[in-house]
PDB file of N, CA and C in Angstrom:
ATOM      1  N   MET A   1      35.302  42.139   8.414  1.00  0.00           N
ATOM      2  CA  MET A   1      35.559  41.106   9.410  1.00  0.00           C
ATOM      3  C   MET A   1      36.209  39.917   8.690  1.00  0.00           C
ATOM      4  N   PRO A   2      37.360  39.474   9.160  1.00  0.00           N
ATOM      5  CA  PRO A   2      38.040  38.345   8.499  1.00  0.00           C
ATOM      6  C   PRO A   2      37.292  37.036   8.769  1.00  0.00           C
ATOM      7  N   LEU A   3      37.461  36.107   7.862  1.00  0.00           N
ATOM      8  CA  LEU A   3      36.849  34.791   8.022  1.00  0.00           C
ATOM      9  C   LEU A   3      37.501  34.058   9.188  1.00  0.00           C
ATOM     10  N   PRO A   4      36.720  33.301   9.950  1.00  0.00           N
ATOM     11  CA  PRO A   4      37.265  32.594  11.125  1.00  0.00           C
ATOM     12  C   PRO A   4      37.976  31.291  10.728  1.00  0.00           C
ATOM     13  N   THR A   5      39.029  31.401   9.929  1.00  0.00           N
ATOM     14  CA  THR A   5      39.712  30.193   9.445  1.00  0.00           C
ATOM     15  C   THR A   5      40.381  29.425  10.573  1.00  0.00           C
ATOM     16  N   ALA A   6      40.866  30.120  11.587  1.00  0.00           N
ATOM     17  CA  ALA A   6      41.484  29.415  12.719  1.00  0.00           C
ATOM     18  C   ALA A   6      40.448  28.542  13.430  1.00  0.00           C
ATOM     19  N   GLU A   7      39.241  29.068  13.598  1.00  0.00           N
ATOM     20  CA  GLU A   7      38.172  28.286  14.230  1.00  0.00           C
ATOM     21  C   GLU A   7      37.794  27.100  13.352  1.00  0.00           C
ATOM     22  N   TRP A   8      37.733  27.314  12.039  1.00  0.00           N
ATOM     23  CA  TRP A   8      37.409  26.223  11.120  1.00  0.00           C
ATOM     24  C   TRP A   8      38.450  25.122  11.215  1.00  0.00           C
ATOM     25  N   THR A   9      39.715  25.528  11.212  1.00  0.00           N
ATOM     26  CA  THR A   9      40.797  24.549  11.287  1.00  0.00           C
ATOM     27  C   THR A   9      40.721  23.770  12.605  1.00  0.00           C
ATOM     28  N   ALA A  10      40.458  24.480  13.691  1.00  0.00           N
ATOM     29  CA  ALA A  10      40.351  23.813  14.996  1.00  0.00           C
ATOM     30  C   ALA A  10      39.175  22.831  14.995  1.00  0.00           C
ATOM     31  N   ALA A  11      38.035  23.242  14.420  1.00  0.00           N
ATOM     32  CA  ALA A  11      36.877  22.358  14.371  1.00  0.00           C
ATOM     33  C   ALA A  11      37.157  21.137  13.500  1.00  0.00           C
ATOM     34  N   LEU A  12      37.826  21.339  12.375  1.00  0.00           N
ATOM     35  CA  LEU A  12      38.177  20.210  11.513  1.00  0.00           C
ATOM     36  C   LEU A  12      39.151  19.268  12.211  1.00  0.00           C
ATOM     37  N   ASP A  13      40.093  19.823  12.971  1.00  0.00           N
ATOM     38  CA  ASP A  13      41.022  18.983  13.734  1.00  0.00           C
ATOM     39  C   ASP A  13      40.276  18.163  14.784  1.00  0.00           C
ATOM     40  N   GLN A  14      39.299  18.782  15.445  1.00  0.00           N
ATOM     41  CA  GLN A  14      38.502  18.057  16.438  1.00  0.00           C
ATOM     42  C   GLN A  14      37.693  16.950  15.770  1.00  0.00           C
ATOM     43  N   MET A  15      37.122  17.254  14.609  1.00  0.00           N
ATOM     44  CA  MET A  15      36.339  16.253  13.883  1.00  0.00           C
ATOM     45  C   MET A  15      37.238  15.088  13.468  1.00  0.00           C
ATOM     46  N   THR A  16      38.426  15.386  12.980  1.00  0.00           N
ATOM     47  CA  THR A  16      39.361  14.340  12.576  1.00  0.00           C
ATOM     48  C   THR A  16      39.728  13.462  13.765  1.00  0.00           C
ATOM     49  N   ALA A  17      39.997  14.094  14.892  1.00  0.00           N
ATOM     50  CA  ALA A  17      40.341  13.324  16.097  1.00  0.00           C
ATOM     51  C   ALA A  17      39.171  12.442  16.530  1.00  0.00           C
ATOM     52  N   ALA A  18      37.946  12.975  16.466  1.00  0.00           N
ATOM     53  CA  ALA A  18      36.773  12.185  16.855  1.00  0.00           C
ATOM     54  C   ALA A  18      36.584  11.009  15.911  1.00  0.00           C
ATOM     55  N   LEU A  19      36.757  11.231  14.620  1.00  0.00           N
ATOM     56  CA  LEU A  19      36.611  10.141  13.664  1.00  0.00           C
ATOM     57  C   LEU A  19      37.708   9.094  13.842  1.00  0.00           C
ATOM     58  N   ASP A  20      38.939   9.536  14.099  1.00  0.00           N
ATOM     59  CA  ASP A  20      40.021   8.585  14.344  1.00  0.00           C
ATOM     60  C   ASP A  20      39.716   7.728  15.570  1.00  0.00           C
ATOM     61  N   GLN A  21      39.204   8.365  16.627  1.00  0.00           N
ATOM     62  CA  GLN A  21      38.861   7.621  17.841  1.00  0.00           C
ATOM     63  C   GLN A  21      37.744   6.624  17.550  1.00  0.00           C
ATOM     64  N   THR A  22      36.770   7.026  16.753  1.00  0.00           N
ATOM     65  CA  THR A  22      35.673   6.129  16.396  1.00  0.00           C
ATOM     66  C   THR A  22      36.202   4.909  15.657  1.00  0.00           C
ATOM     67  N   LEU A  23      37.111   5.130  14.723  1.00  0.00           N
ATOM     68  CA  LEU A  23      37.678   4.008  13.975  1.00  0.00           C
ATOM     69  C   LEU A  23      38.456   3.074  14.893  1.00  0.00           C
ATOM     70  N   ARG A  24      39.220   3.640  15.832  1.00  0.00           N
ATOM     71  CA  ARG A  24      39.943   2.789  16.787  1.00  0.00           C
ATOM     72  C   ARG A  24      38.970   1.992  17.646  1.00  0.00           C
ATOM     73  N   ASP A  25      37.896   2.649  18.090  1.00  0.00           N
ATOM     74  CA  ASP A  25      36.890   1.961  18.910  1.00  0.00           C
ATOM     75  C   ASP A  25      36.219   0.839  18.127  1.00  0.00           C
ATOM     76  N   LEU A  26      35.878   1.117  16.879  1.00  0.00           N
ATOM     77  CA  LEU A  26      35.249   0.082  16.062  1.00  0.00           C
ATOM     78  C   LEU A  26      36.191  -1.095  15.831  1.00  0.00           C
ATOM     79  N   ASP A  27      37.472  -0.818  15.606  1.00  0.00           N
ATOM     80  CA  ASP A  27      38.439  -1.908  15.453  1.00  0.00           C
ATOM     81  C   ASP A  27      38.513  -2.747  16.725  1.00  0.00           C
ATOM     82  N   ARG A  28      38.526  -2.076  17.873  1.00  0.00           N
ATOM     83  CA  ARG A  28      38.589  -2.781  19.151  1.00  0.00           C
ATOM     84  C   ARG A  28      37.338  -3.634  19.348  1.00  0.00           C
ATOM     85  N   HIS A  29      36.177  -3.082  19.001  1.00  0.00           N
ATOM     86  CA  HIS A  29      34.937  -3.832  19.157  1.00  0.00           C
ATOM     87  C   HIS A  29      34.862  -4.985  18.162  1.00  0.00           C
ATOM     88  N   ARG A  30      35.404  -4.800  16.971  1.00  0.00           N
ATOM     89  CA  ARG A  30      35.429  -5.893  16.000  1.00  0.00           C
ATOM     90  C   ARG A  30      36.254  -7.050  16.563  1.00  0.00           C
ATOM     91  N   GLU A  31      37.366  -6.725  17.222  1.00  0.00           N
ATOM     92  CA  GLU A  31      38.169  -7.773  17.843  1.00  0.00           C
ATOM     93  C   GLU A  31      37.384  -8.461  18.960  1.00  0.00           C
ATOM     94  N   GLY A  32      36.625  -7.670  19.716  1.00  0.00           N
ATOM     95  CA  GLY A  32      35.801  -8.240  20.776  1.00  0.00           C
ATOM     96  C   GLY A  32      34.727  -9.170  20.228  1.00  0.00           C
ATOM     97  N   TRP A  33      34.087  -8.771  19.129  1.00  0.00           N
ATOM     98  CA  TRP A  33      33.082  -9.622  18.496  1.00  0.00           C
ATOM     99  C   TRP A  33      33.716 -10.909  18.006  1.00  0.00           C
ATOM    100  N   ALA A  34      34.907 -10.804  17.425  1.00  0.00           N
ATOM    101  CA  ALA A  34      35.589 -12.000  16.923  1.00  0.00           C
ATOM    102  C   ALA A  34      35.871 -12.973  18.076  1.00  0.00           C
ATOM    103  N   ALA A  35      36.272 -12.426  19.226  1.00  0.00           N
ATOM    104  CA  ALA A  35      36.550 -13.290  20.371  1.00  0.00           C
ATOM    105  C   ALA A  35      35.278 -13.998  20.842  1.00  0.00           C
ATOM    106  N   VAL A  36      34.137 -13.316  20.706  1.00  0.00           N
ATOM    107  CA  VAL A  36      32.866 -13.908  21.148  1.00  0.00           C
ATOM    108  C   VAL A  36      32.353 -14.923  20.138  1.00  0.00           C
ATOM    109  N   THR A  37      32.475 -14.621  18.855  1.00  0.00           N
ATOM    110  CA  THR A  37      31.840 -15.463  17.835  1.00  0.00           C
ATOM    111  C   THR A  37      32.756 -16.511  17.228  1.00  0.00           C
ATOM    112  N   ASP A  38      34.058 -16.378  17.359  1.00  0.00           N
ATOM    113  CA  ASP A  38      34.983 -17.297  16.689  1.00  0.00           C
ATOM    114  C   ASP A  38      35.529 -18.390  17.593  1.00  0.00           C
ATOM    115  N   THR A  39      34.936 -18.575  18.771  1.00  0.00           N
ATOM    116  CA  THR A  39      35.396 -19.621  19.663  1.00  0.00           C
ATOM    117  C   THR A  39      35.053 -20.978  19.036  1.00  0.00           C
ATOM    118  N   PRO A  40      36.042 -21.861  18.893  1.00  0.00           N
ATOM    119  CA  PRO A  40      35.761 -23.149  18.251  1.00  0.00           C
ATOM    120  C   PRO A  40      34.861 -24.028  19.128  1.00  0.00           C
ATOM    121  N   ALA A  41      34.064 -24.843  18.461  1.00  0.00           N
ATOM    122  CA  ALA A  41      33.174 -25.770  19.166  1.00  0.00           C
ATOM    123  C   ALA A  41      33.986 -26.913  19.764  1.00  0.00           C
ATOM    124  N   ARG A  42      33.565 -27.358  20.938  1.00  0.00           N
ATOM    125  CA  ARG A  42      34.242 -28.486  21.587  1.00  0.00           C
ATOM    126  C   ARG A  42      33.549 -29.787  21.185  1.00  0.00           C
ATOM    127  N   ALA A  43      34.268 -30.882  21.306  1.00  0.00           N
ATOM    128  CA  ALA A  43      33.699 -32.201  20.998  1.00  0.00           C
ATOM    129  C   ALA A  43      32.604 -32.524  22.018  1.00  0.00           C
ATOM    130  N   ALA A  44      31.549 -33.161  21.562  1.00  0.00           N
ATOM    131  CA  ALA A  44      30.417 -33.498  22.426  1.00  0.00           C
ATOM    132  C   ALA A  44      30.799 -34.640  23.366  1.00  0.00           C
ATOM    133  N   PRO A  45      30.538 -34.449  24.671  1.00  0.00           N
ATOM    134  CA  PRO A  45      30.782 -35.550  25.607  1.00  0.00           C
ATOM    135  C   PRO A  45      29.728 -36.643  25.416  1.00  0.00           C
ATOM    136  N   PRO A  46      29.964 -37.803  26.004  1.00  0.00           N
ATOM    137  CA  PRO A  46      29.018 -38.914  25.829  1.00  0.00           C
ATOM    138  C   PRO A  46      27.608 -38.589  26.317  1.00  0.00           C
ATOM    139  N   ASP A  47      27.484 -37.829  27.380  1.00  0.00           N
ATOM    140  CA  ASP A  47      26.166 -37.508  27.912  1.00  0.00           C
ATOM    141  C   ASP A  47      25.615 -36.296  27.150  1.00  0.00           C
ATOM    142  N   LEU A  48      24.639 -36.526  26.299  1.00  0.00           N
ATOM    143  CA  LEU A  48      24.108 -35.489  25.412  1.00  0.00           C
ATOM    144  C   LEU A  48      23.475 -34.335  26.186  1.00  0.00           C
ATOM    145  N   MET A  49      22.719 -34.614  27.244  1.00  0.00           N
ATOM    146  CA  MET A  49      22.072 -33.540  28.004  1.00  0.00           C
ATOM    147  C   MET A  49      23.099 -32.627  28.672  1.00  0.00           C
ATOM    148  N   THR A  50      24.140 -33.208  29.231  1.00  0.00           N
ATOM    149  CA  THR A  50      25.195 -32.401  29.837  1.00  0.00           C
ATOM    150  C   THR A  50      25.853 -31.528  28.784  1.00  0.00           C
ATOM    151  N   TRP A  51      26.120 -32.148  27.647  1.00  0.00           N
ATOM    152  CA  TRP A  51      26.749 -31.395  26.555  1.00  0.00           C
ATOM    153  C   TRP A  51      25.861 -30.245  26.098  1.00  0.00           C
ATOM    154  N   LEU A  52      24.537 -30.520  25.941  1.00  0.00           N
ATOM    155  CA  LEU A  52      23.609 -29.474  25.511  1.00  0.00           C
ATOM    156  C   LEU A  52      23.528 -28.344  26.530  1.00  0.00           C
ATOM    157  N   GLU A  53      23.477 -28.690  27.809  1.00  0.00           N
ATOM    158  CA  GLU A  53      23.434 -27.664  28.844  1.00  0.00           C
ATOM    159  C   GLU A  53      24.699 -26.809  28.827  1.00  0.00           C
ATOM    160  N   THR A  54      25.832 -27.459  28.631  1.00  0.00           N
ATOM    161  CA  THR A  54      27.096 -26.731  28.556  1.00  0.00           C
ATOM    162  C   THR A  54      27.093 -25.779  27.369  1.00  0.00           C
ATOM    163  N   ARG A  55      26.671 -26.284  26.210  1.00  0.00           N
ATOM    164  CA  ARG A  55      26.628 -25.459  24.997  1.00  0.00           C
ATOM    165  C   ARG A  55      25.665 -24.284  25.162  1.00  0.00           C
ATOM    166  N   LEU A  56      24.491 -24.543  25.758  1.00  0.00           N
ATOM    167  CA  LEU A  56      23.538 -23.458  25.981  1.00  0.00           C
ATOM    168  C   LEU A  56      24.110 -22.410  26.930  1.00  0.00           C
ATOM    169  N   GLY A  57      24.816 -22.863  27.950  1.00  0.00           N
ATOM    170  CA  GLY A  57      25.475 -21.923  28.853  1.00  0.00           C
ATOM    171  C   GLY A  57      26.517 -21.079  28.134  1.00  0.00           C
ATOM    172  N   GLN A  58      27.269 -21.713  27.235  1.00  0.00           N
ATOM    173  CA  GLN A  58      28.262 -20.974  26.452  1.00  0.00           C
ATOM    174  C   GLN A  58      27.580 -19.948  25.554  1.00  0.00           C
ATOM    175  N   TRP A  59      26.465 -20.334  24.942  1.00  0.00           N
ATOM    176  CA  TRP A  59      25.746 -19.387  24.081  1.00  0.00           C
ATOM    177  C   TRP A  59      25.166 -18.243  24.892  1.00  0.00           C
ATOM    178  N   ASP A  60      24.669 -18.549  26.085  1.00  0.00           N
ATOM    179  CA  ASP A  60      24.172 -17.469  26.946  1.00  0.00           C
ATOM    180  C   ASP A  60      25.295 -16.489  27.259  1.00  0.00           C
ATOM    181  N   ALA A  61      26.467 -17.010  27.578  1.00  0.00           N
ATOM    182  CA  ALA A  61      27.609 -16.145  27.864  1.00  0.00           C
ATOM    183  C   ALA A  61      27.983 -15.320  26.636  1.00  0.00           C
ATOM    184  N   ARG A  62      27.963 -15.945  25.467  1.00  0.00           N
ATOM    185  CA  ARG A  62      28.281 -15.219  24.231  1.00  0.00           C
ATOM    186  C   ARG A  62      27.247 -14.132  23.951  1.00  0.00           C
ATOM    187  N   LEU A  63      25.974 -14.468  24.139  1.00  0.00           N
ATOM    188  CA  LEU A  63      24.932 -13.473  23.896  1.00  0.00           C
ATOM    189  C   LEU A  63      25.035 -12.309  24.879  1.00  0.00           C
ATOM    190  N   THR A  64      25.349 -12.609  26.117  1.00  0.00           N
ATOM    191  CA  THR A  64      25.524 -11.552  27.107  1.00  0.00           C
ATOM    192  C   THR A  64      26.709 -10.664  26.729  1.00  0.00           C
ATOM    193  N   ALA A  65      27.815 -11.271  26.328  1.00  0.00           N
ATOM    194  CA  ALA A  65      28.987 -10.494  25.909  1.00  0.00           C
ATOM    195  C   ALA A  65      28.666  -9.662  24.668  1.00  0.00           C
ATOM    196  N   ALA A  66      27.921 -10.242  23.734  1.00  0.00           N
ATOM    197  CA  ALA A  66      27.548  -9.508  22.519  1.00  0.00           C
ATOM    198  C   ALA A  66      26.648  -8.325  22.864  1.00  0.00           C
ATOM    199  N   ALA A  67      25.713  -8.529  23.778  1.00  0.00           N
ATOM    200  CA  ALA A  67      24.823  -7.442  24.193  1.00  0.00           C
ATOM    201  C   ALA A  67      25.618  -6.323  24.857  1.00  0.00           C
ATOM    202  N   ASP A  68      26.585  -6.687  25.690  1.00  0.00           N
ATOM    203  CA  ASP A  68      27.438  -5.683  26.333  1.00  0.00           C
ATOM    204  C   ASP A  68      28.230  -4.902  25.293  1.00  0.00           C
ATOM    205  N   LEU A  69      28.802  -5.605  24.329  1.00  0.00           N
ATOM    206  CA  LEU A  69      29.552  -4.921  23.268  1.00  0.00           C
ATOM    207  C   LEU A  69      28.648  -4.006  22.458  1.00  0.00           C
ATOM    208  N   ALA A  70      27.453  -4.474  22.139  1.00  0.00           N
ATOM    209  CA  ALA A  70      26.520  -3.656  21.364  1.00  0.00           C
ATOM    210  C   ALA A  70      26.135  -2.392  22.131  1.00  0.00           C
ATOM    211  N   ALA A  71      25.910  -2.522  23.430  1.00  0.00           N
ATOM    212  CA  ALA A  71      25.567  -1.353  24.244  1.00  0.00           C
ATOM    213  C   ALA A  71      26.718  -0.354  24.274  1.00  0.00           C
ATOM    214  N   THR A  72      27.937  -0.857  24.383  1.00  0.00           N
ATOM    215  CA  THR A  72      29.103   0.026  24.392  1.00  0.00           C
ATOM    216  C   THR A  72      29.242   0.752  23.060  1.00  0.00           C
ATOM    217  N   VAL A  73      29.100   0.021  21.970  1.00  0.00           N
ATOM    218  CA  VAL A  73      29.210   0.634  20.639  1.00  0.00           C
ATOM    219  C   VAL A  73      28.111   1.667  20.446  1.00  0.00           C
ATOM    220  N   GLU A  74      26.887   1.331  20.855  1.00  0.00           N
ATOM    221  CA  GLU A  74      25.776   2.269  20.716  1.00  0.00           C
ATOM    222  C   GLU A  74      26.049   3.551  21.486  1.00  0.00           C
ATOM    223  N   SER A  75      26.569   3.422  22.692  1.00  0.00           N
ATOM    224  CA  SER A  75      26.886   4.588  23.506  1.00  0.00           C
ATOM    225  C   SER A  75      27.961   5.444  22.838  1.00  0.00           C
ATOM    226  N   GLN A  76      29.010   4.806  22.363  1.00  0.00           N
ATOM    227  CA  GLN A  76      30.091   5.561  21.734  1.00  0.00           C
ATOM    228  C   GLN A  76      29.645   6.201  20.423  1.00  0.00           C
ATOM    229  N   LEU A  77      28.815   5.518  19.657  1.00  0.00           N
ATOM    230  CA  LEU A  77      28.304   6.112  18.429  1.00  0.00           C
ATOM    231  C   LEU A  77      27.393   7.292  18.745  1.00  0.00           C
ATOM    232  N   GLY A  78      26.644   7.204  19.826  1.00  0.00           N
ATOM    233  CA  GLY A  78      25.812   8.337  20.245  1.00  0.00           C
ATOM    234  C   GLY A  78      26.654   9.545  20.594  1.00  0.00           C
ATOM    235  N   GLU A  79      27.761   9.299  21.294  1.00  0.00           N
ATOM    236  CA  GLU A  79      28.676  10.399  21.620  1.00  0.00           C
ATOM    237  C   GLU A  79      29.251  11.007  20.350  1.00  0.00           C
ATOM    238  N   ARG A  80      29.653  10.160  19.408  1.00  0.00           N
ATOM    239  CA  ARG A  80      30.222  10.658  18.149  1.00  0.00           C
ATOM    240  C   ARG A  80      29.181  11.438  17.355  1.00  0.00           C
ATOM    241  N   GLU A  81      27.926  10.954  17.402  1.00  0.00           N
ATOM    242  CA  GLU A  81      26.851  11.646  16.692  1.00  0.00           C
ATOM    243  C   GLU A  81      26.654  13.048  17.275  1.00  0.00           C
ATOM    244  N   ALA A  82      26.750  13.165  18.580  1.00  0.00           N
ATOM    245  CA  ALA A  82      26.622  14.474  19.222  1.00  0.00           C
ATOM    246  C   ALA A  82      27.750  15.402  18.780  1.00  0.00           C
ATOM    247  N   VAL A  83      28.973  14.868  18.692  1.00  0.00           N
ATOM    248  CA  VAL A  83      30.107  15.677  18.237  1.00  0.00           C
ATOM    249  C   VAL A  83      29.882  16.148  16.808  1.00  0.00           C
ATOM    250  N   VAL A  84      29.418  15.238  15.965  1.00  0.00           N
ATOM    251  CA  VAL A  84      29.161  15.592  14.564  1.00  0.00           C
ATOM    252  C   VAL A  84      28.056  16.647  14.491  1.00  0.00           C
ATOM    253  N   GLY A  85      27.031  16.506  15.314  1.00  0.00           N
ATOM    254  CA  GLY A  85      25.950  17.495  15.333  1.00  0.00           C
ATOM    255  C   GLY A  85      26.446  18.868  15.722  1.00  0.00           C
ATOM    256  N   ARG A  86      27.287  18.928  16.758  1.00  0.00           N
ATOM    257  CA  ARG A  86      27.849  20.222  17.167  1.00  0.00           C
ATOM    258  C   ARG A  86      28.719  20.808  16.064  1.00  0.00           C
ATOM    259  N   TRP A  87      29.506  19.947  15.420  1.00  0.00           N
ATOM    260  CA  TRP A  87      30.361  20.413  14.333  1.00  0.00           C
ATOM    261  C   TRP A  87      29.508  20.935  13.178  1.00  0.00           C
ATOM    262  N   ALA A  88      28.415  20.234  12.857  1.00  0.00           N
ATOM    263  CA  ALA A  88      27.543  20.668  11.767  1.00  0.00           C
ATOM    264  C   ALA A  88      26.900  22.019  12.079  1.00  0.00           C
ATOM    265  N   GLU A  89      26.508  22.224  13.335  1.00  0.00           N
ATOM    266  CA  GLU A  89      25.947  23.520  13.731  1.00  0.00           C
ATOM    267  C   GLU A  89      26.974  24.626  13.546  1.00  0.00           C
ATOM    268  N   THR A  90      28.195  24.373  13.992  1.00  0.00           N
ATOM    269  CA  THR A  90      29.261  25.369  13.856  1.00  0.00           C
ATOM    270  C   THR A  90      29.522  25.658  12.386  1.00  0.00           C
ATOM    271  N   PHE A  91      29.605  24.607  11.593  1.00  0.00           N
ATOM    272  CA  PHE A  91      29.846  24.787  10.165  1.00  0.00           C
ATOM    273  C   PHE A  91      28.705  25.577   9.533  1.00  0.00           C
ATOM    274  N   GLY A  92      27.482  25.303   9.928  1.00  0.00           N
ATOM    275  CA  GLY A  92      26.328  26.038   9.407  1.00  0.00           C
ATOM    276  C   GLY A  92      26.400  27.518   9.734  1.00  0.00           C
ATOM    277  N   ARG A  93      26.825  27.833  10.951  1.00  0.00           N
ATOM    278  CA  ARG A  93      26.975  29.256  11.320  1.00  0.00           C
ATOM    279  C   ARG A  93      28.060  29.915  10.481  1.00  0.00           C
ATOM    280  N   TRP A  94      29.170  29.196  10.277  1.00  0.00           N
ATOM    281  CA  TRP A  94      30.243  29.752   9.442  1.00  0.00           C
ATOM    282  C   TRP A  94      29.768  29.953   8.010  1.00  0.00           C
ATOM    283  N   GLN A  95      29.000  28.995   7.513  1.00  0.00           N
ATOM    284  CA  GLN A  95      28.500  29.103   6.149  1.00  0.00           C
ATOM    285  C   GLN A  95      27.605  30.333   6.012  1.00  0.00           C
ATOM    286  N   LYS A  96      26.761  30.587   7.014  1.00  0.00           N
ATOM    287  CA  LYS A  96      25.904  31.777   6.979  1.00  0.00           C
ATOM    288  C   LYS A  96      26.751  33.045   6.959  1.00  0.00           C
ATOM    289  N   LEU A  97      27.837  33.059   7.741  1.00  0.00           N
ATOM    290  CA  LEU A  97      28.722  34.226   7.742  1.00  0.00           C
ATOM    291  C   LEU A  97      29.301  34.460   6.349  1.00  0.00           C
ATOM    292  N   VAL A  98      29.735  33.374   5.730  1.00  0.00           N
ATOM    293  CA  VAL A  98      30.319  33.497   4.393  1.00  0.00           C
ATOM    294  C   VAL A  98      29.259  33.959   3.406  1.00  0.00           C
ATOM    295  N   GLU A  99      28.053  33.384   3.485  1.00  0.00           N
ATOM    296  CA  GLU A  99      26.978  33.750   2.567  1.00  0.00           C
ATOM    297  C   GLU A  99      26.513  35.185   2.763  1.00  0.00           C
ATOM    298  N   GLN A 100      26.673  35.718   3.972  1.00  0.00           N
ATOM    299  CA  GLN A 100      26.290  37.103   4.227  1.00  0.00           C
ATOM    300  C   GLN A 100      27.273  38.078   3.602  1.00  0.00           C
ATOM    301  N   GLY A 101      28.350  37.544   3.055  1.00  0.00           N
ATOM    302  CA  GLY A 101      29.309  38.395   2.356  1.00  0.00           C
ATOM    303  C   GLY A 101      30.240  39.130   3.285  1.00  0.00           C
ATOM    304  N   VAL A 102      30.847  38.410   4.169  1.00  0.00           N
ATOM    305  CA  VAL A 102      31.825  39.022   5.051  1.00  0.00           C
ATOM    306  C   VAL A 102      32.914  39.590   4.156  1.00  0.00           C
ATOM    307  N   GLY A 103      33.056  40.916   4.146  1.00  0.00           N
ATOM    308  CA  GLY A 103      33.989  41.579   3.236  1.00  0.00           C
ATOM    309  C   GLY A 103      35.394  41.645   3.782  1.00  0.00           C
ATOM    310  N   ALA A 104      36.323  41.839   2.879  1.00  0.00           N
ATOM    311  CA  ALA A 104      37.715  42.042   3.275  1.00  0.00           C
ATOM    312  C   ALA A 104      37.875  43.430   3.835  1.00  0.00           C
ATOM    313  N   PRO A 105      38.825  43.626   4.746  1.00  0.00           N
ATOM    314  CA  PRO A 105      39.023  44.975   5.305  1.00  0.00           C
ATOM    315  C   PRO A 105      39.482  45.949   4.215  1.00  0.00           C
ATOM    316  N   SER A 106      38.971  47.151   4.310  1.00  0.00           N
ATOM    317  CA  SER A 106      39.389  48.205   3.387  1.00  0.00           C
ATOM    318  C   SER A 106      40.741  48.759   3.858  1.00  0.00           C
ATOM    319  N   PRO A 107      41.359  49.611   3.077  1.00  0.00           N
ATOM    320  CA  PRO A 107      42.645  50.165   3.486  1.00  0.00           C
ATOM    321  C   PRO A 107      42.616  50.888   4.835  1.00  0.00           C
ATOM    322  N   ASN A 108      41.462  51.417   5.238  1.00  0.00           N
ATOM    323  CA  ASN A 108      41.393  52.107   6.528  1.00  0.00           C
ATOM    324  C   ASN A 108      41.121  51.153   7.690  1.00  0.00           C
ATOM    325  N   GLY A 109      41.069  49.811   7.412  1.00  0.00           N
ATOM    326  CA  GLY A 109      40.929  48.805   8.462  1.00  0.00           C
ATOM    327  C   GLY A 109      39.499  48.454   8.800  1.00  0.00           C
ATOM    328  N   VAL A 110      38.524  48.998   8.084  1.00  0.00           N
ATOM    329  CA  VAL A 110      37.115  48.721   8.344  1.00  0.00           C
ATOM    330  C   VAL A 110      36.613  47.742   7.301  1.00  0.00           C
ATOM    331  N   ALA A 111      35.899  46.729   7.728  1.00  0.00           N
ATOM    332  CA  ALA A 111      35.354  45.752   6.786  1.00  0.00           C
ATOM    333  C   ALA A 111      34.292  46.407   5.933  1.00  0.00           C
ATOM    334  N   GLU A 112      34.249  46.026   4.676  1.00  0.00           N
ATOM    335  CA  GLU A 112      33.265  46.623   3.750  1.00  0.00           C
ATOM    336  C   GLU A 112      32.013  45.794   3.703  1.00  0.00           C
TER     337      GLU A 112
END
């Protein structure tokens, strides 16, 4: 029985695509975090309580946005983890096939 190299190549291509997508997602989320955390502070108005309430409202909005981003990243990482798990299972099955000594076909076409 020949080794399933076509299946291995397809699985590796899928893994590469999943990892590339993960990197793109992480870059996008990093930009989102920067937008949430890098907003410059505004000058304090004369009324301190109004200013404090405004700042607290801004922080609440930032924390809510950060929580949303974290939930999205967690979900996407969970999906990627599932893909990696499936790939690892497939690789493990292939490894067992190789370890079992899948022989090359003999001249009469039967695997040894």
